[in-house]
């Protein structure tokens, strides 16, 4: 198959798969530009959807956009193409985060196609997980998935799990006394209606999950300032199974690699029958983020804290239509 067979409708399908990626507060901070003459899809960050208070360096924005880039790679292989990616290709255009030239498929790309069914089944679950441990074999597979993208996934020991959970609680307390942070988080959990009657971004009430009836939960509570009467109460696992995704350095290129690794791990976990959630709360405060590192592991910078286990899948969260995020250059 040659790249000249690529049609704009196929590109729309690729982008439709790409935007199923997670992003901070489901802000979906991405734009795609397709250039048919070169069969290149450009990935741009959208500064209008940045978190100015909790993500001033745009690290989380890069992670979310890179997760969408990985989904684009998976979708391209599913459709019979290979996405040849260049990260941050133009220093004079900082919001151009990557280009993906769509080429003929090669044999080594087929393993990505196996992840395609998980794209639309992967949802963040803010519900309690069972105490059943994740088998070592599955965890080893997730570690391998991270390594394939140039990153490292580590499982902290019991004592460091307690440290990370303490950092989550510390971050929540800092949020409680910072009105700008609370307002920013609350804005993305608002049930604001659009002209069509349905909001296509943010965290809907159905995705808040239940309140914890036994102390703090290991997930961000979007309902603290947006009470929902039908959330209910539940007992979360006593010792969440956490994993830390990290990179040696902490540059925008590292963030782009980490976002792709994050999505590869999440899709593999979904394919393996695991439920997943993430928390970036302790990573949003510089004075807490450094402590999130496991001193027993050779990891320079933690980019995301993942929670893994067996439990109910999270509900589907809304996505902006492809027509809002894709531009075809003629």
C-alpha atoms as a PDB file:
ATOM      1  CA  UNK A   1       0.000   0.000   0.000  1.00  0.00           C
ATOM      2  CA  UNK A   2       1.361   3.423  -0.879  1.00  0.00           C
ATOM      3  CA  UNK A   3       0.835   6.611   1.039  1.00  0.00           C
ATOM      4  CA  UNK A   4      -0.904   8.146  -1.978  1.00  0.00           C
ATOM      5  CA  UNK A   5      -3.973   6.029  -1.233  1.00  0.00           C
ATOM      6  CA  UNK A   6      -4.641   7.956   1.972  1.00  0.00           C
ATOM      7  CA  UNK A   7      -7.964   9.797   1.815  1.00  0.00           C
ATOM      8  CA  UNK A   8      -9.158  12.702   3.992  1.00  0.00           C
ATOM      9  CA  UNK A   9     -11.863  10.414   5.379  1.00  0.00           C
ATOM     10  CA  UNK A  10      -9.201   8.012   6.585  1.00  0.00           C
ATOM     11  CA  UNK A  11      -7.347  10.868   8.251  1.00  0.00           C
ATOM     12  CA  UNK A  12     -10.564  11.772  10.058  1.00  0.00           C
ATOM     13  CA  UNK A  13     -10.741   8.179  11.332  1.00  0.00           C
ATOM     14  CA  UNK A  14      -7.137   8.364  12.523  1.00  0.00           C
ATOM     15  CA  UNK A  15      -7.814  11.589  14.404  1.00  0.00           C
ATOM     16  CA  UNK A  16     -11.059  10.167  15.777  1.00  0.00           C
ATOM     17  CA  UNK A  17      -8.997   7.391  17.337  1.00  0.00           C
ATOM     18  CA  UNK A  18      -6.278   9.790  18.466  1.00  0.00           C
ATOM     19  CA  UNK A  19      -8.626  11.974  20.516  1.00  0.00           C
ATOM     20  CA  UNK A  20      -9.729   9.077  22.718  1.00  0.00           C
ATOM     21  CA  UNK A  21      -6.493   9.747  24.645  1.00  0.00           C
ATOM     22  CA  UNK A  22      -6.581  10.985  28.235  1.00  0.00           C
ATOM     23  CA  UNK A  23      -5.638  14.553  29.084  1.00  0.00           C
ATOM     24  CA  UNK A  24      -5.536  16.608  32.237  1.00  0.00           C
ATOM     25  CA  UNK A  25      -9.137  17.324  33.293  1.00  0.00           C
ATOM     26  CA  UNK A  26     -10.164  16.002  29.854  1.00  0.00           C
ATOM     27  CA  UNK A  27      -9.299  19.399  28.404  1.00  0.00           C
ATOM     28  CA  UNK A  28      -8.261  17.789  25.079  1.00  0.00           C
ATOM     29  CA  UNK A  29      -5.552  20.390  24.366  1.00  0.00           C
ATOM     30  CA  UNK A  30      -4.733  19.323  20.805  1.00  0.00           C
ATOM     31  CA  UNK A  31      -5.182  20.360  17.208  1.00  0.00           C
ATOM     32  CA  UNK A  32      -4.353  18.362  14.077  1.00  0.00           C
ATOM     33  CA  UNK A  33      -3.451  19.684  10.641  1.00  0.00           C
ATOM     34  CA  UNK A  34      -3.332  17.323   7.658  1.00  0.00           C
ATOM     35  CA  UNK A  35      -1.172  18.287   4.688  1.00  0.00           C
ATOM     36  CA  UNK A  36      -2.258  16.017   1.797  1.00  0.00           C
ATOM     37  CA  UNK A  37       0.611  16.925  -0.515  1.00  0.00           C
ATOM     38  CA  UNK A  38       3.054  15.314   1.918  1.00  0.00           C
ATOM     39  CA  UNK A  39       0.681  12.923   3.712  1.00  0.00           C
ATOM     40  CA  UNK A  40       1.732  14.525   6.988  1.00  0.00           C
ATOM     41  CA  UNK A  41      -0.384  15.035  10.077  1.00  0.00           C
ATOM     42  CA  UNK A  42       0.802  17.827  12.358  1.00  0.00           C
ATOM     43  CA  UNK A  43       0.024  17.726  16.067  1.00  0.00           C
ATOM     44  CA  UNK A  44      -0.289  21.130  17.722  1.00  0.00           C
ATOM     45  CA  UNK A  45      -0.869  21.981  21.355  1.00  0.00           C
ATOM     46  CA  UNK A  46      -3.775  24.316  22.055  1.00  0.00           C
ATOM     47  CA  UNK A  47      -2.682  27.012  24.540  1.00  0.00           C
ATOM     48  CA  UNK A  48      -6.301  28.067  25.022  1.00  0.00           C
ATOM     49  CA  UNK A  49      -6.862  24.745  26.798  1.00  0.00           C
ATOM     50  CA  UNK A  50      -3.818  24.937  29.032  1.00  0.00           C
ATOM     51  CA  UNK A  51      -4.029  24.871  32.835  1.00  0.00           C
ATOM     52  CA  UNK A  52      -2.336  28.145  33.667  1.00  0.00           C
ATOM     53  CA  UNK A  53      -2.307  27.556  37.426  1.00  0.00           C
ATOM     54  CA  UNK A  54      -1.677  23.817  37.833  1.00  0.00           C
ATOM     55  CA  UNK A  55       0.362  23.275  34.651  1.00  0.00           C
ATOM     56  CA  UNK A  56       2.248  26.531  34.014  1.00  0.00           C
ATOM     57  CA  UNK A  57       5.117  24.770  32.229  1.00  0.00           C
ATOM     58  CA  UNK A  58       2.634  22.867  30.001  1.00  0.00           C
ATOM     59  CA  UNK A  59       4.157  19.548  31.005  1.00  0.00           C
ATOM     60  CA  UNK A  60       0.738  17.910  31.395  1.00  0.00           C
ATOM     61  CA  UNK A  61      -0.408  19.449  28.111  1.00  0.00           C
ATOM     62  CA  UNK A  62       2.525  17.765  26.353  1.00  0.00           C
ATOM     63  CA  UNK A  63       1.684  14.446  28.022  1.00  0.00           C
ATOM     64  CA  UNK A  64      -1.915  14.562  26.823  1.00  0.00           C
ATOM     65  CA  UNK A  65      -0.981  15.549  23.281  1.00  0.00           C
ATOM     66  CA  UNK A  66       1.674  12.829  23.170  1.00  0.00           C
ATOM     67  CA  UNK A  67      -0.889  10.253  24.303  1.00  0.00           C
ATOM     68  CA  UNK A  68      -3.047  11.329  21.360  1.00  0.00           C
ATOM     69  CA  UNK A  69       0.017  10.972  19.120  1.00  0.00           C
ATOM     70  CA  UNK A  70       0.488   7.383  20.258  1.00  0.00           C
ATOM     71  CA  UNK A  71      -3.152   6.650  19.484  1.00  0.00           C
ATOM     72  CA  UNK A  72      -2.601   8.098  16.019  1.00  0.00           C
ATOM     73  CA  UNK A  73       0.300   5.685  15.539  1.00  0.00           C
ATOM     74  CA  UNK A  74      -1.873   2.746  16.606  1.00  0.00           C
ATOM     75  CA  UNK A  75      -4.706   3.818  14.335  1.00  0.00           C
ATOM     76  CA  UNK A  76      -2.357   4.321  11.391  1.00  0.00           C
ATOM     77  CA  UNK A  77      -1.115   0.735  11.649  1.00  0.00           C
ATOM     78  CA  UNK A  78      -4.689  -0.507  11.985  1.00  0.00           C
ATOM     79  CA  UNK A  79      -5.488   1.251   8.705  1.00  0.00           C
ATOM     80  CA  UNK A  80      -2.407  -0.107   6.949  1.00  0.00           C
ATOM     81  CA  UNK A  81       0.021   2.776   7.373  1.00  0.00           C
ATOM     82  CA  UNK A  82       3.022   3.653   9.462  1.00  0.00           C
ATOM     83  CA  UNK A  83       3.306   7.019  11.192  1.00  0.00           C
ATOM     84  CA  UNK A  84       6.901   8.223  10.968  1.00  0.00           C
ATOM     85  CA  UNK A  85       7.077  10.672  13.872  1.00  0.00           C
ATOM     86  CA  UNK A  86       9.292  13.682  14.475  1.00  0.00           C
ATOM     87  CA  UNK A  87       9.000  15.301  17.891  1.00  0.00           C
ATOM     88  CA  UNK A  88       9.214  19.078  18.267  1.00  0.00           C
ATOM     89  CA  UNK A  89      10.392  19.505  14.665  1.00  0.00           C
ATOM     90  CA  UNK A  90      10.537  23.313  14.537  1.00  0.00           C
ATOM     91  CA  UNK A  91      12.006  25.302  17.404  1.00  0.00           C
ATOM     92  CA  UNK A  92      10.465  28.513  16.062  1.00  0.00           C
ATOM     93  CA  UNK A  93       6.956  27.002  16.460  1.00  0.00           C
ATOM     94  CA  UNK A  94       6.769  25.787  20.065  1.00  0.00           C
ATOM     95  CA  UNK A  95       3.140  24.670  19.774  1.00  0.00           C
ATOM     96  CA  UNK A  96       3.975  22.326  16.885  1.00  0.00           C
ATOM     97  CA  UNK A  97       4.629  19.282  19.028  1.00  0.00           C
ATOM     98  CA  UNK A  98       5.081  16.572  16.399  1.00  0.00           C
ATOM     99  CA  UNK A  99       4.647  15.611  12.777  1.00  0.00           C
ATOM    100  CA  UNK A 100       3.577  12.168  11.593  1.00  0.00           C
ATOM    101  CA  UNK A 101       4.375  11.277   7.993  1.00  0.00           C
ATOM    102  CA  UNK A 102       2.105   8.441   6.888  1.00  0.00           C
ATOM    103  CA  UNK A 103       4.110   5.833   5.016  1.00  0.00           C
ATOM    104  CA  UNK A 104       3.774   2.242   3.866  1.00  0.00           C
ATOM    105  CA  UNK A 105       3.541  -0.275   6.685  1.00  0.00           C
ATOM    106  CA  UNK A 106       6.530  -2.387   7.697  1.00  0.00           C
ATOM    107  CA  UNK A 107       6.510  -5.743   9.480  1.00  0.00           C
ATOM    108  CA  UNK A 108       7.755  -4.403  12.811  1.00  0.00           C
ATOM    109  CA  UNK A 109       4.764  -2.065  13.139  1.00  0.00           C
ATOM    110  CA  UNK A 110       2.128  -4.808  13.389  1.00  0.00           C
ATOM    111  CA  UNK A 111       2.389  -5.138  17.188  1.00  0.00           C
ATOM    112  CA  UNK A 112       0.768  -1.717  17.527  1.00  0.00           C
ATOM    113  CA  UNK A 113      -2.344  -2.969  15.720  1.00  0.00           C
ATOM    114  CA  UNK A 114      -3.040  -5.355  18.607  1.00  0.00           C
ATOM    115  CA  UNK A 115      -3.699  -2.329  20.834  1.00  0.00           C
ATOM    116  CA  UNK A 116      -6.343  -0.823  18.554  1.00  0.00           C
ATOM    117  CA  UNK A 117      -9.354  -2.585  20.170  1.00  0.00           C
ATOM    118  CA  UNK A 118      -8.362  -1.050  23.518  1.00  0.00           C
ATOM    119  CA  UNK A 119      -8.504   2.536  22.248  1.00  0.00           C
ATOM    120  CA  UNK A 120     -12.200   3.009  22.928  1.00  0.00           C
ATOM    121  CA  UNK A 121     -12.335   0.665  25.914  1.00  0.00           C
ATOM    122  CA  UNK A 122      -9.727   2.589  27.911  1.00  0.00           C
ATOM    123  CA  UNK A 123     -11.438   4.868  30.403  1.00  0.00           C
ATOM    124  CA  UNK A 124     -10.167   6.314  33.664  1.00  0.00           C
ATOM    125  CA  UNK A 125     -11.839   4.549  36.571  1.00  0.00           C
ATOM    126  CA  UNK A 126     -12.321   6.554  39.780  1.00  0.00           C
ATOM    127  CA  UNK A 127     -14.037   3.592  41.409  1.00  0.00           C
ATOM    128  CA  UNK A 128     -12.660   1.178  44.030  1.00  0.00           C
ATOM    129  CA  UNK A 129     -10.508  -1.693  42.804  1.00  0.00           C
ATOM    130  CA  UNK A 130     -10.318  -5.192  44.277  1.00  0.00           C
ATOM    131  CA  UNK A 131      -7.455  -6.118  46.578  1.00  0.00           C
ATOM    132  CA  UNK A 132      -6.381  -8.845  44.111  1.00  0.00           C
ATOM    133  CA  UNK A 133      -2.780  -8.130  43.099  1.00  0.00           C
ATOM    134  CA  UNK A 134      -1.780  -7.554  39.506  1.00  0.00           C
ATOM    135  CA  UNK A 135       0.265 -10.617  38.446  1.00  0.00           C
ATOM    136  CA  UNK A 136       3.967 -10.054  38.005  1.00  0.00           C
ATOM    137  CA  UNK A 137       3.762 -11.241  34.401  1.00  0.00           C
ATOM    138  CA  UNK A 138       1.268  -8.492  33.522  1.00  0.00           C
ATOM    139  CA  UNK A 139       3.300  -5.885  35.356  1.00  0.00           C
ATOM    140  CA  UNK A 140       6.433  -6.975  33.501  1.00  0.00           C
ATOM    141  CA  UNK A 141       4.545  -6.494  30.247  1.00  0.00           C
ATOM    142  CA  UNK A 142       3.588  -2.964  31.253  1.00  0.00           C
ATOM    143  CA  UNK A 143       7.189  -2.187  32.145  1.00  0.00           C
ATOM    144  CA  UNK A 144       8.232  -3.444  28.711  1.00  0.00           C
ATOM    145  CA  UNK A 145       5.595  -1.240  27.086  1.00  0.00           C
ATOM    146  CA  UNK A 146       7.105   1.822  28.771  1.00  0.00           C
ATOM    147  CA  UNK A 147      10.624   0.837  27.710  1.00  0.00           C
ATOM    148  CA  UNK A 148       9.532   0.565  24.085  1.00  0.00           C
ATOM    149  CA  UNK A 149       8.817   4.314  24.244  1.00  0.00           C
ATOM    150  CA  UNK A 150      12.081   5.181  25.978  1.00  0.00           C
ATOM    151  CA  UNK A 151      10.645   5.525  29.478  1.00  0.00           C
ATOM    152  CA  UNK A 152      10.627   3.568  32.697  1.00  0.00           C
ATOM    153  CA  UNK A 153       7.752   2.186  34.745  1.00  0.00           C
ATOM    154  CA  UNK A 154       8.547   1.179  38.320  1.00  0.00           C
ATOM    155  CA  UNK A 155       6.464  -0.353  41.098  1.00  0.00           C
ATOM    156  CA  UNK A 156       7.237   1.345  44.409  1.00  0.00           C
ATOM    157  CA  UNK A 157       7.629  -0.670  47.580  1.00  0.00           C
ATOM    158  CA  UNK A 158       5.024  -0.534  50.333  1.00  0.00           C
ATOM    159  CA  UNK A 159       6.796   2.222  52.233  1.00  0.00           C
ATOM    160  CA  UNK A 160       7.047   4.425  49.137  1.00  0.00           C
ATOM    161  CA  UNK A 161       3.404   3.800  48.234  1.00  0.00           C
ATOM    162  CA  UNK A 162       2.575   5.367  51.590  1.00  0.00           C
ATOM    163  CA  UNK A 163       4.863   8.278  50.741  1.00  0.00           C
ATOM    164  CA  UNK A 164       3.111   8.868  47.411  1.00  0.00           C
ATOM    165  CA  UNK A 165      -0.349   8.636  48.989  1.00  0.00           C
ATOM    166  CA  UNK A 166       0.801  11.143  51.583  1.00  0.00           C
ATOM    167  CA  UNK A 167       1.890  13.467  48.777  1.00  0.00           C
ATOM    168  CA  UNK A 168      -1.562  13.134  47.181  1.00  0.00           C
ATOM    169  CA  UNK A 169      -3.171  14.188  50.455  1.00  0.00           C
ATOM    170  CA  UNK A 170      -0.678  17.044  50.823  1.00  0.00           C
ATOM    171  CA  UNK A 171      -1.511  18.223  47.300  1.00  0.00           C
ATOM    172  CA  UNK A 172      -5.240  18.125  48.073  1.00  0.00           C
ATOM    173  CA  UNK A 173      -4.684  20.303  51.119  1.00  0.00           C
ATOM    174  CA  UNK A 174      -2.691  22.783  49.058  1.00  0.00           C
ATOM    175  CA  UNK A 175      -5.502  22.901  46.507  1.00  0.00           C
ATOM    176  CA  UNK A 176      -8.058  23.538  49.232  1.00  0.00           C
ATOM    177  CA  UNK A 177      -6.324  26.744  50.292  1.00  0.00           C
ATOM    178  CA  UNK A 178      -5.541  27.974  46.763  1.00  0.00           C
ATOM    179  CA  UNK A 179      -8.679  29.550  45.258  1.00  0.00           C
ATOM    180  CA  UNK A 180      -7.120  29.810  41.786  1.00  0.00           C
ATOM    181  CA  UNK A 181      -6.374  26.088  41.661  1.00  0.00           C
ATOM    182  CA  UNK A 182      -9.841  25.231  42.925  1.00  0.00           C
ATOM    183  CA  UNK A 183     -11.465  27.510  40.387  1.00  0.00           C
ATOM    184  CA  UNK A 184      -9.448  25.995  37.536  1.00  0.00           C
ATOM    185  CA  UNK A 185     -10.319  22.436  38.527  1.00  0.00           C
ATOM    186  CA  UNK A 186     -13.949  23.313  39.115  1.00  0.00           C
ATOM    187  CA  UNK A 187     -14.253  24.941  35.691  1.00  0.00           C
ATOM    188  CA  UNK A 188     -13.410  21.640  33.984  1.00  0.00           C
ATOM    189  CA  UNK A 189     -15.919  19.762  36.140  1.00  0.00           C
ATOM    190  CA  UNK A 190     -18.759  22.177  35.441  1.00  0.00           C
ATOM    191  CA  UNK A 191     -21.941  20.950  33.789  1.00  0.00           C
ATOM    192  CA  UNK A 192     -21.908  23.868  31.359  1.00  0.00           C
ATOM    193  CA  UNK A 193     -24.125  23.360  28.338  1.00  0.00           C
ATOM    194  CA  UNK A 194     -23.183  24.267  24.796  1.00  0.00           C
ATOM    195  CA  UNK A 195     -25.418  25.483  21.980  1.00  0.00           C
ATOM    196  CA  UNK A 196     -26.017  21.812  21.079  1.00  0.00           C
ATOM    197  CA  UNK A 197     -26.981  20.967  24.644  1.00  0.00           C
ATOM    198  CA  UNK A 198     -24.006  18.756  25.565  1.00  0.00           C
ATOM    199  CA  UNK A 199     -20.563  19.676  26.754  1.00  0.00           C
ATOM    200  CA  UNK A 200     -17.840  17.848  24.812  1.00  0.00           C
ATOM    201  CA  UNK A 201     -14.929  18.197  27.234  1.00  0.00           C
ATOM    202  CA  UNK A 202     -14.189  18.225  30.940  1.00  0.00           C
ATOM    203  CA  UNK A 203     -15.125  15.670  33.611  1.00  0.00           C
ATOM    204  CA  UNK A 204     -18.858  14.854  33.750  1.00  0.00           C
ATOM    205  CA  UNK A 205     -20.502  14.024  37.065  1.00  0.00           C
ATOM    206  CA  UNK A 206     -20.841  10.360  36.099  1.00  0.00           C
ATOM    207  CA  UNK A 207     -17.047  10.091  35.977  1.00  0.00           C
ATOM    208  CA  UNK A 208     -16.455  11.521  39.474  1.00  0.00           C
ATOM    209  CA  UNK A 209     -16.768   8.101  41.082  1.00  0.00           C
ATOM    210  CA  UNK A 210     -18.061   7.563  44.634  1.00  0.00           C
ATOM    211  CA  UNK A 211     -16.887   9.328  47.735  1.00  0.00           C
ATOM    212  CA  UNK A 212     -14.506   7.408  49.924  1.00  0.00           C
ATOM    213  CA  UNK A 213     -16.063   6.224  53.183  1.00  0.00           C
ATOM    214  CA  UNK A 214     -12.678   5.415  54.730  1.00  0.00           C
ATOM    215  CA  UNK A 215     -10.413   8.417  54.556  1.00  0.00           C
ATOM    216  CA  UNK A 216      -8.899   9.958  51.427  1.00  0.00           C
ATOM    217  CA  UNK A 217      -9.218   8.051  48.165  1.00  0.00           C
ATOM    218  CA  UNK A 218      -6.312   7.472  45.745  1.00  0.00           C
ATOM    219  CA  UNK A 219      -8.045   9.460  42.979  1.00  0.00           C
ATOM    220  CA  UNK A 220      -8.713  13.158  42.504  1.00  0.00           C
ATOM    221  CA  UNK A 221     -12.137  14.151  43.795  1.00  0.00           C
ATOM    222  CA  UNK A 222     -13.675  16.434  41.192  1.00  0.00           C
ATOM    223  CA  UNK A 223     -16.838  16.659  43.272  1.00  0.00           C
ATOM    224  CA  UNK A 224     -15.464  18.638  46.186  1.00  0.00           C
ATOM    225  CA  UNK A 225     -16.692  21.908  44.711  1.00  0.00           C
ATOM    226  CA  UNK A 226     -19.319  20.304  42.458  1.00  0.00           C
ATOM    227  CA  UNK A 227     -21.528  18.235  44.774  1.00  0.00           C
ATOM    228  CA  UNK A 228     -23.470  15.436  43.108  1.00  0.00           C
ATOM    229  CA  UNK A 229     -26.275  13.891  45.130  1.00  0.00           C
ATOM    230  CA  UNK A 230     -26.176  10.475  43.459  1.00  0.00           C
ATOM    231  CA  UNK A 231     -22.447   9.693  43.807  1.00  0.00           C
ATOM    232  CA  UNK A 232     -22.779   7.429  46.804  1.00  0.00           C
ATOM    233  CA  UNK A 233     -20.050   6.149  49.109  1.00  0.00           C
ATOM    234  CA  UNK A 234     -17.621   3.264  48.739  1.00  0.00           C
ATOM    235  CA  UNK A 235     -14.608   1.671  50.397  1.00  0.00           C
ATOM    236  CA  UNK A 236     -11.461   1.999  48.282  1.00  0.00           C
ATOM    237  CA  UNK A 237      -8.588  -0.451  48.437  1.00  0.00           C
ATOM    238  CA  UNK A 238      -6.407  -0.131  51.512  1.00  0.00           C
ATOM    239  CA  UNK A 239      -3.170  -0.354  49.566  1.00  0.00           C
ATOM    240  CA  UNK A 240      -3.582   0.853  45.988  1.00  0.00           C
ATOM    241  CA  UNK A 241      -1.297  -0.764  43.432  1.00  0.00           C
ATOM    242  CA  UNK A 242       0.672   2.181  42.102  1.00  0.00           C
ATOM    243  CA  UNK A 243       3.258   2.507  39.367  1.00  0.00           C
ATOM    244  CA  UNK A 244       5.497   5.471  38.584  1.00  0.00           C
ATOM    245  CA  UNK A 245       6.244   6.459  35.005  1.00  0.00           C
ATOM    246  CA  UNK A 246       9.459   8.413  34.633  1.00  0.00           C
ATOM    247  CA  UNK A 247      12.125   9.791  32.331  1.00  0.00           C
ATOM    248  CA  UNK A 248      15.849  10.510  32.809  1.00  0.00           C
ATOM    249  CA  UNK A 249      15.453  14.222  32.029  1.00  0.00           C
ATOM    250  CA  UNK A 250      12.573  16.673  32.154  1.00  0.00           C
ATOM    251  CA  UNK A 251      12.513  18.488  28.800  1.00  0.00           C
ATOM    252  CA  UNK A 252       9.554  18.907  26.425  1.00  0.00           C
ATOM    253  CA  UNK A 253      10.973  16.032  24.357  1.00  0.00           C
ATOM    254  CA  UNK A 254      10.947  13.848  27.493  1.00  0.00           C
ATOM    255  CA  UNK A 255       7.338  14.851  28.122  1.00  0.00           C
ATOM    256  CA  UNK A 256       6.427  13.826  24.578  1.00  0.00           C
ATOM    257  CA  UNK A 257       8.077  10.454  25.047  1.00  0.00           C
ATOM    258  CA  UNK A 258       6.422  10.024  28.433  1.00  0.00           C
ATOM    259  CA  UNK A 259       2.965  10.773  27.057  1.00  0.00           C
ATOM    260  CA  UNK A 260       3.373   8.108  24.392  1.00  0.00           C
ATOM    261  CA  UNK A 261       4.685   5.644  26.976  1.00  0.00           C
ATOM    262  CA  UNK A 262       1.777   6.471  29.276  1.00  0.00           C
ATOM    263  CA  UNK A 263      -0.782   5.683  26.596  1.00  0.00           C
ATOM    264  CA  UNK A 264       1.013   2.523  25.535  1.00  0.00           C
ATOM    265  CA  UNK A 265       0.960   1.309  29.144  1.00  0.00           C
ATOM    266  CA  UNK A 266      -2.703   2.242  29.588  1.00  0.00           C
ATOM    267  CA  UNK A 267      -3.760   0.503  26.383  1.00  0.00           C
ATOM    268  CA  UNK A 268      -1.772  -2.610  27.251  1.00  0.00           C
ATOM    269  CA  UNK A 269      -3.300  -2.638  30.735  1.00  0.00           C
ATOM    270  CA  UNK A 270      -6.772  -2.327  29.214  1.00  0.00           C
ATOM    271  CA  UNK A 271      -6.035  -5.158  26.803  1.00  0.00           C
ATOM    272  CA  UNK A 272      -4.888  -7.229  29.792  1.00  0.00           C
ATOM    273  CA  UNK A 273      -8.213  -6.710  31.562  1.00  0.00           C
ATOM    274  CA  UNK A 274      -7.003  -4.161  34.107  1.00  0.00           C
ATOM    275  CA  UNK A 275      -8.748  -1.020  35.250  1.00  0.00           C
ATOM    276  CA  UNK A 276      -6.630   2.116  35.434  1.00  0.00           C
ATOM    277  CA  UNK A 277      -6.587   5.624  36.776  1.00  0.00           C
ATOM    278  CA  UNK A 278      -3.954   8.321  37.082  1.00  0.00           C
ATOM    279  CA  UNK A 279      -3.112  11.061  39.481  1.00  0.00           C
ATOM    280  CA  UNK A 280      -0.889  14.015  38.769  1.00  0.00           C
ATOM    281  CA  UNK A 281      -1.735  15.939  41.945  1.00  0.00           C
ATOM    282  CA  UNK A 282       1.619  15.551  43.716  1.00  0.00           C
ATOM    283  CA  UNK A 283       3.398  16.294  40.431  1.00  0.00           C
ATOM    284  CA  UNK A 284       1.658  19.658  40.053  1.00  0.00           C
ATOM    285  CA  UNK A 285       3.576  21.126  42.994  1.00  0.00           C
ATOM    286  CA  UNK A 286       7.361  21.372  42.399  1.00  0.00           C
ATOM    287  CA  UNK A 287       8.148  20.983  46.068  1.00  0.00           C
ATOM    288  CA  UNK A 288       6.211  17.685  46.168  1.00  0.00           C
ATOM    289  CA  UNK A 289       7.144  16.249  42.803  1.00  0.00           C
ATOM    290  CA  UNK A 290      10.763  15.514  43.657  1.00  0.00           C
ATOM    291  CA  UNK A 291       9.677  13.469  46.682  1.00  0.00           C
ATOM    292  CA  UNK A 292       7.507  11.275  44.452  1.00  0.00           C
ATOM    293  CA  UNK A 293      10.688   9.658  43.114  1.00  0.00           C
ATOM    294  CA  UNK A 294      11.484   6.257  44.575  1.00  0.00           C
ATOM    295  CA  UNK A 295      15.036   6.679  45.901  1.00  0.00           C
ATOM    296  CA  UNK A 296      15.633   2.956  45.389  1.00  0.00           C
ATOM    297  CA  UNK A 297      15.028   3.255  41.651  1.00  0.00           C
ATOM    298  CA  UNK A 298      17.132   4.954  39.000  1.00  0.00           C
ATOM    299  CA  UNK A 299      14.466   7.359  37.799  1.00  0.00           C
ATOM    300  CA  UNK A 300      15.194  11.003  37.174  1.00  0.00           C
ATOM    301  CA  UNK A 301      11.742  12.572  36.977  1.00  0.00           C
ATOM    302  CA  UNK A 302       8.304  11.145  37.684  1.00  0.00           C
ATOM    303  CA  UNK A 303       5.879  12.095  34.918  1.00  0.00           C
ATOM    304  CA  UNK A 304       2.741  10.265  36.094  1.00  0.00           C
ATOM    305  CA  UNK A 305       1.439   8.155  38.964  1.00  0.00           C
ATOM    306  CA  UNK A 306      -0.713   5.266  37.765  1.00  0.00           C
ATOM    307  CA  UNK A 307      -3.153   3.147  39.756  1.00  0.00           C
ATOM    308  CA  UNK A 308      -3.740  -0.366  38.430  1.00  0.00           C
ATOM    309  CA  UNK A 309      -6.013  -3.208  39.433  1.00  0.00           C
ATOM    310  CA  UNK A 310      -9.203  -5.114  38.897  1.00  0.00           C
ATOM    311  CA  UNK A 311     -12.380  -3.119  39.107  1.00  0.00           C
ATOM    312  CA  UNK A 312     -15.212  -1.528  37.165  1.00  0.00           C
ATOM    313  CA  UNK A 313     -14.208   0.370  34.035  1.00  0.00           C
ATOM    314  CA  UNK A 314     -14.730   4.091  34.173  1.00  0.00           C
ATOM    315  CA  UNK A 315     -17.539   5.635  32.133  1.00  0.00           C
ATOM    316  CA  UNK A 316     -16.868   7.084  28.723  1.00  0.00           C
ATOM    317  CA  UNK A 317     -16.080  10.782  28.921  1.00  0.00           C
ATOM    318  CA  UNK A 318     -17.080  13.217  26.159  1.00  0.00           C
ATOM    319  CA  UNK A 319     -14.866  14.053  23.212  1.00  0.00           C
ATOM    320  CA  UNK A 320     -14.856  17.045  20.919  1.00  0.00           C
ATOM    321  CA  UNK A 321     -15.923  16.189  17.375  1.00  0.00           C
ATOM    322  CA  UNK A 322     -13.167  15.603  14.845  1.00  0.00           C
ATOM    323  CA  UNK A 323     -14.360  18.615  12.862  1.00  0.00           C
ATOM    324  CA  UNK A 324     -13.380  20.831  15.812  1.00  0.00           C
ATOM    325  CA  UNK A 325      -9.796  19.558  16.053  1.00  0.00           C
ATOM    326  CA  UNK A 326      -8.808  18.642  12.486  1.00  0.00           C
ATOM    327  CA  UNK A 327      -7.886  21.082   9.725  1.00  0.00           C
ATOM    328  CA  UNK A 328      -7.153  19.848   6.205  1.00  0.00           C
ATOM    329  CA  UNK A 329      -4.787  22.132   4.324  1.00  0.00           C
ATOM    330  CA  UNK A 330      -5.605  22.390   0.627  1.00  0.00           C
END
